[in-house]
Amino acid sequence: MNTNERSMRMRIASYQSWAKTPDRSARTAAARKRSHHTRFVEKARELHPGGTEKQIADAAEALKKAHYTEMARRSAQSRRIRSEIAKDAKQKQIARALAGDETAAA
């Protein structure tokens, strides 16, 4: 079985499973409870103990955006560092090859 067929079979099974689910909300309640979103809401409530639900929701959304923006910044930083390391290694390999180092070809 190739990957396309396997993927299609899994999709069919998923659709059938959801079709048999009488209460979708109950099925996903545990995952929602453990989601990152609740963490942001809890932190927003700590920051604004007397805030309205709208203020809490707005603060939670801002905290979520800040979190994911920070993750994107760190990811970009990591990719840049890895790229620089690879570039330096390639330059050293070229320099060794030009200098006649026989191990550079390996």
N, C-alpha and C. Protein backbone atom coordinates (compact mmCIF):
# COMPACT_ATOMS: atom_id res chain seq x y z
N MET A 1 0.85 -1.18 0.00
CA MET A 1 0.00 0.00 0.00
C MET A 1 0.90 1.24 0.00
N ASN A 2 0.67 2.15 -0.93
CA ASN A 2 1.49 3.35 -0.99
C ASN A 2 0.97 4.40 -0.01
N THR A 3 1.71 5.47 0.15
CA THR A 3 1.36 6.49 1.15
C THR A 3 0.04 7.19 0.83
N ASN A 4 -0.26 7.40 -0.45
CA ASN A 4 -1.53 8.05 -0.81
C ASN A 4 -2.72 7.19 -0.41
N GLU A 5 -2.63 5.90 -0.67
CA GLU A 5 -3.72 5.00 -0.32
C GLU A 5 -3.87 4.91 1.20
N ARG A 6 -2.76 4.82 1.90
CA ARG A 6 -2.81 4.76 3.37
C ARG A 6 -3.43 6.04 3.94
N SER A 7 -3.04 7.17 3.40
CA SER A 7 -3.59 8.45 3.84
C SER A 7 -5.10 8.50 3.59
N MET A 8 -5.53 8.03 2.43
CA MET A 8 -6.94 8.04 2.10
C MET A 8 -7.72 7.12 3.05
N ARG A 9 -7.17 5.96 3.35
CA ARG A 9 -7.83 5.03 4.27
C ARG A 9 -7.96 5.65 5.67
N MET A 10 -6.91 6.32 6.12
CA MET A 10 -6.96 6.96 7.44
C MET A 10 -8.00 8.09 7.45
N ARG A 11 -8.09 8.83 6.37
CA ARG A 11 -9.07 9.91 6.28
C ARG A 11 -10.49 9.35 6.33
N ILE A 12 -10.73 8.25 5.61
CA ILE A 12 -12.04 7.61 5.61
C ILE A 12 -12.39 7.15 7.03
N ALA A 13 -11.43 6.52 7.69
CA ALA A 13 -11.67 6.04 9.06
C ALA A 13 -11.98 7.20 9.99
N SER A 14 -11.29 8.30 9.81
CA SER A 14 -11.54 9.48 10.64
C SER A 14 -12.95 10.02 10.41
N TYR A 15 -13.36 10.13 9.16
CA TYR A 15 -14.70 10.62 8.86
C TYR A 15 -15.76 9.69 9.46
N GLN A 16 -15.54 8.38 9.33
CA GLN A 16 -16.49 7.43 9.88
C GLN A 16 -16.56 7.55 11.40
N SER A 17 -15.42 7.73 12.03
CA SER A 17 -15.39 7.87 13.48
C SER A 17 -16.15 9.11 13.92
N TRP A 18 -15.93 10.24 13.24
CA TRP A 18 -16.65 11.46 13.60
C TRP A 18 -18.14 11.33 13.32
N ALA A 19 -18.51 10.57 12.28
CA ALA A 19 -19.93 10.37 11.97
C ALA A 19 -20.63 9.60 13.09
N LYS A 20 -19.90 8.75 13.79
CA LYS A 20 -20.46 7.94 14.87
C LYS A 20 -20.44 8.66 16.21
N THR A 21 -19.84 9.85 16.26
CA THR A 21 -19.70 10.58 17.52
C THR A 21 -20.94 11.44 17.75
N PRO A 22 -21.72 11.13 18.81
CA PRO A 22 -22.93 11.91 19.05
C PRO A 22 -22.64 13.30 19.63
N ASP A 23 -21.60 13.42 20.47
CA ASP A 23 -21.30 14.70 21.12
C ASP A 23 -19.85 15.07 20.83
N ARG A 24 -19.65 15.85 19.78
CA ARG A 24 -18.29 16.22 19.36
C ARG A 24 -17.57 17.03 20.43
N SER A 25 -18.31 17.89 21.09
CA SER A 25 -17.71 18.72 22.12
C SER A 25 -17.16 17.88 23.27
N ALA A 26 -17.91 16.87 23.68
CA ALA A 26 -17.45 16.00 24.76
C ALA A 26 -16.22 15.21 24.33
N ARG A 27 -16.18 14.82 23.05
CA ARG A 27 -15.05 14.03 22.56
C ARG A 27 -13.75 14.84 22.60
N THR A 28 -13.85 16.12 22.39
CA THR A 28 -12.64 16.95 22.33
C THR A 28 -12.39 17.75 23.61
N ALA A 29 -13.23 17.55 24.63
CA ALA A 29 -13.13 18.35 25.86
C ALA A 29 -11.77 18.19 26.55
N ALA A 30 -11.27 16.97 26.64
CA ALA A 30 -9.99 16.74 27.33
C ALA A 30 -8.85 17.46 26.61
N ALA A 31 -8.85 17.41 25.30
CA ALA A 31 -7.80 18.08 24.53
C ALA A 31 -7.89 19.60 24.69
N ARG A 32 -9.12 20.13 24.68
CA ARG A 32 -9.28 21.57 24.87
C ARG A 32 -8.82 21.98 26.26
N LYS A 33 -9.09 21.13 27.24
CA LYS A 33 -8.71 21.45 28.62
C LYS A 33 -7.19 21.52 28.76
N ARG A 34 -6.48 20.68 28.03
CA ARG A 34 -5.02 20.66 28.12
C ARG A 34 -4.34 21.55 27.07
N SER A 35 -5.12 22.27 26.30
CA SER A 35 -4.56 23.07 25.21
C SER A 35 -3.78 24.26 25.74
N HIS A 36 -2.97 24.83 24.87
CA HIS A 36 -2.21 26.02 25.22
C HIS A 36 -3.13 27.20 25.50
N HIS A 37 -4.28 27.20 24.85
CA HIS A 37 -5.19 28.34 24.98
C HIS A 37 -5.58 28.56 26.45
N THR A 38 -5.85 27.48 27.17
CA THR A 38 -6.25 27.65 28.57
C THR A 38 -5.12 28.27 29.38
N ARG A 39 -3.88 27.95 29.00
CA ARG A 39 -2.73 28.54 29.70
C ARG A 39 -2.72 30.05 29.52
N PHE A 40 -3.02 30.51 28.32
CA PHE A 40 -3.03 31.95 28.06
C PHE A 40 -4.17 32.64 28.81
N VAL A 41 -5.32 31.98 28.87
CA VAL A 41 -6.46 32.56 29.59
C VAL A 41 -6.14 32.65 31.08
N GLU A 42 -5.54 31.58 31.63
CA GLU A 42 -5.18 31.60 33.05
C GLU A 42 -4.19 32.72 33.36
N LYS A 43 -3.20 32.88 32.50
CA LYS A 43 -2.21 33.93 32.70
C LYS A 43 -2.88 35.31 32.59
N ALA A 44 -3.80 35.46 31.65
CA ALA A 44 -4.51 36.73 31.48
C ALA A 44 -5.34 37.04 32.72
N ARG A 45 -5.95 36.03 33.31
CA ARG A 45 -6.73 36.23 34.54
C ARG A 45 -5.82 36.66 35.70
N GLU A 46 -4.59 36.11 35.74
CA GLU A 46 -3.63 36.52 36.77
C GLU A 46 -3.23 37.99 36.59
N LEU A 47 -3.04 38.40 35.34
CA LEU A 47 -2.63 39.76 35.05
C LEU A 47 -3.76 40.77 35.27
N HIS A 48 -5.00 40.34 35.03
CA HIS A 48 -6.17 41.22 35.14
C HIS A 48 -7.24 40.56 36.00
N PRO A 49 -7.02 40.47 37.30
CA PRO A 49 -7.96 39.74 38.16
C PRO A 49 -9.37 40.33 38.16
N GLY A 50 -9.52 41.60 37.94
CA GLY A 50 -10.84 42.20 37.94
C GLY A 50 -11.36 42.47 36.55
N GLY A 51 -10.72 41.91 35.54
CA GLY A 51 -11.09 42.20 34.16
C GLY A 51 -12.36 41.52 33.72
N THR A 52 -13.00 42.11 32.72
CA THR A 52 -14.20 41.51 32.14
C THR A 52 -13.77 40.33 31.26
N GLU A 53 -14.75 39.54 30.84
CA GLU A 53 -14.44 38.40 29.97
C GLU A 53 -13.81 38.87 28.66
N LYS A 54 -14.26 40.00 28.14
CA LYS A 54 -13.69 40.55 26.90
C LYS A 54 -12.24 40.95 27.12
N GLN A 55 -11.96 41.61 28.24
CA GLN A 55 -10.58 42.02 28.55
C GLN A 55 -9.69 40.79 28.71
N ILE A 56 -10.21 39.77 29.38
CA ILE A 56 -9.44 38.53 29.56
C ILE A 56 -9.17 37.88 28.22
N ALA A 57 -10.18 37.80 27.38
CA ALA A 57 -10.02 37.19 26.05
C ALA A 57 -9.01 37.98 25.21
N ASP A 58 -9.09 39.30 25.26
CA ASP A 58 -8.14 40.13 24.50
C ASP A 58 -6.72 39.95 25.01
N ALA A 59 -6.56 39.92 26.34
CA ALA A 59 -5.23 39.73 26.92
C ALA A 59 -4.69 38.34 26.59
N ALA A 60 -5.55 37.32 26.63
CA ALA A 60 -5.12 35.96 26.30
C ALA A 60 -4.67 35.89 24.84
N GLU A 61 -5.40 36.55 23.97
CA GLU A 61 -5.02 36.56 22.55
C GLU A 61 -3.68 37.26 22.35
N ALA A 62 -3.45 38.36 23.06
CA ALA A 62 -2.17 39.07 22.96
C ALA A 62 -1.03 38.20 23.50
N LEU A 63 -1.28 37.50 24.60
CA LEU A 63 -0.27 36.61 25.16
C LEU A 63 0.06 35.48 24.19
N LYS A 64 -0.97 34.94 23.53
CA LYS A 64 -0.76 33.88 22.56
C LYS A 64 0.07 34.38 21.38
N LYS A 65 -0.27 35.56 20.88
CA LYS A 65 0.49 36.13 19.76
C LYS A 65 1.94 36.38 20.16
N ALA A 66 2.15 36.88 21.37
CA ALA A 66 3.52 37.11 21.85
C ALA A 66 4.28 35.80 21.93
N HIS A 67 3.63 34.75 22.43
CA HIS A 67 4.27 33.44 22.57
C HIS A 67 4.70 32.89 21.21
N TYR A 68 3.76 32.89 20.26
CA TYR A 68 4.08 32.33 18.95
C TYR A 68 5.06 33.20 18.17
N THR A 69 5.03 34.49 18.38
CA THR A 69 6.01 35.36 17.74
C THR A 69 7.40 35.09 18.29
N GLU A 70 7.48 34.88 19.61
CA GLU A 70 8.77 34.54 20.23
C GLU A 70 9.28 33.20 19.70
N MET A 71 8.39 32.23 19.54
CA MET A 71 8.82 30.94 18.99
C MET A 71 9.33 31.10 17.56
N ALA A 72 8.67 31.92 16.77
CA ALA A 72 9.10 32.16 15.40
C ALA A 72 10.46 32.85 15.38
N ARG A 73 10.66 33.81 16.29
CA ARG A 73 11.95 34.51 16.38
C ARG A 73 13.06 33.52 16.71
N ARG A 74 12.82 32.66 17.69
CA ARG A 74 13.83 31.68 18.08
C ARG A 74 14.11 30.68 16.96
N SER A 75 13.07 30.30 16.25
CA SER A 75 13.24 29.37 15.14
C SER A 75 14.10 30.00 14.04
N ALA A 76 13.81 31.24 13.70
CA ALA A 76 14.59 31.95 12.68
C ALA A 76 16.04 32.10 13.12
N GLN A 77 16.24 32.40 14.39
CA GLN A 77 17.58 32.54 14.94
C GLN A 77 18.33 31.22 14.83
N SER A 78 17.68 30.14 15.18
CA SER A 78 18.29 28.82 15.11
C SER A 78 18.65 28.45 13.67
N ARG A 79 17.73 28.72 12.72
CA ARG A 79 18.02 28.44 11.32
C ARG A 79 19.19 29.26 10.82
N ARG A 80 19.26 30.54 11.24
CA ARG A 80 20.35 31.39 10.81
C ARG A 80 21.69 30.86 11.35
N ILE A 81 21.72 30.47 12.60
CA ILE A 81 22.95 29.95 13.20
C ILE A 81 23.38 28.67 12.51
N ARG A 82 22.43 27.76 12.27
CA ARG A 82 22.76 26.50 11.57
C ARG A 82 23.29 26.78 10.18
N SER A 83 22.70 27.76 9.50
CA SER A 83 23.14 28.11 8.15
C SER A 83 24.56 28.67 8.18
N GLU A 84 24.85 29.52 9.17
CA GLU A 84 26.19 30.09 9.29
C GLU A 84 27.23 29.01 9.60
N ILE A 85 26.87 28.07 10.45
CA ILE A 85 27.78 26.97 10.78
C ILE A 85 28.06 26.13 9.54
N ALA A 86 27.01 25.82 8.78
CA ALA A 86 27.19 25.04 7.56
C ALA A 86 28.03 25.79 6.54
N LYS A 87 27.81 27.10 6.44
CA LYS A 87 28.58 27.93 5.50
C LYS A 87 30.05 27.95 5.90
N ASP A 88 30.32 28.13 7.20
CA ASP A 88 31.71 28.12 7.69
C ASP A 88 32.37 26.78 7.43
N ALA A 89 31.67 25.69 7.67
CA ALA A 89 32.23 24.36 7.45
C ALA A 89 32.55 24.16 5.97
N LYS A 90 31.67 24.62 5.10
CA LYS A 90 31.90 24.50 3.66
C LYS A 90 33.12 25.33 3.24
N GLN A 91 33.24 26.55 3.79
CA GLN A 91 34.40 27.39 3.46
C GLN A 91 35.70 26.75 3.92
N LYS A 92 35.69 26.14 5.12
CA LYS A 92 36.89 25.47 5.62
C LYS A 92 37.24 24.27 4.75
N GLN A 93 36.23 23.54 4.30
CA GLN A 93 36.46 22.39 3.43
C GLN A 93 37.08 22.84 2.11
N ILE A 94 36.59 23.93 1.56
CA ILE A 94 37.13 24.46 0.30
C ILE A 94 38.56 24.94 0.51
N ALA A 95 38.81 25.62 1.63
CA ALA A 95 40.16 26.11 1.91
C ALA A 95 41.14 24.95 2.04
N ARG A 96 40.72 23.87 2.71
CA ARG A 96 41.60 22.70 2.84
C ARG A 96 41.86 22.06 1.48
N ALA A 97 40.83 22.01 0.64
CA ALA A 97 40.98 21.41 -0.68
C ALA A 97 41.94 22.24 -1.52
N LEU A 98 41.84 23.56 -1.44
CA LEU A 98 42.73 24.43 -2.19
C LEU A 98 44.16 24.34 -1.67
N ALA A 99 44.30 24.08 -0.39
CA ALA A 99 45.64 23.97 0.21
C ALA A 99 46.29 22.62 -0.08
N GLY A 100 45.51 21.71 -0.67
CA GLY A 100 46.06 20.41 -1.02
C GLY A 100 45.88 19.36 0.07
N ASP A 101 45.06 19.61 1.04
CA ASP A 101 44.79 18.66 2.11
C ASP A 101 43.96 17.51 1.54
N GLU A 102 44.51 16.29 1.62
CA GLU A 102 43.84 15.13 1.03
C GLU A 102 42.59 14.74 1.80
N THR A 103 42.47 15.10 3.08
CA THR A 103 41.29 14.72 3.87
C THR A 103 40.10 15.60 3.54
N ALA A 104 40.31 16.71 2.83
CA ALA A 104 39.22 17.63 2.51
C ALA A 104 38.25 17.01 1.51
N ALA A 105 38.72 16.09 0.70
CA ALA A 105 37.86 15.48 -0.31
C ALA A 105 36.89 14.48 0.32
N ALA A 106 37.14 14.05 1.52
CA ALA A 106 36.29 13.02 2.15
C ALA A 106 34.96 13.54 2.59
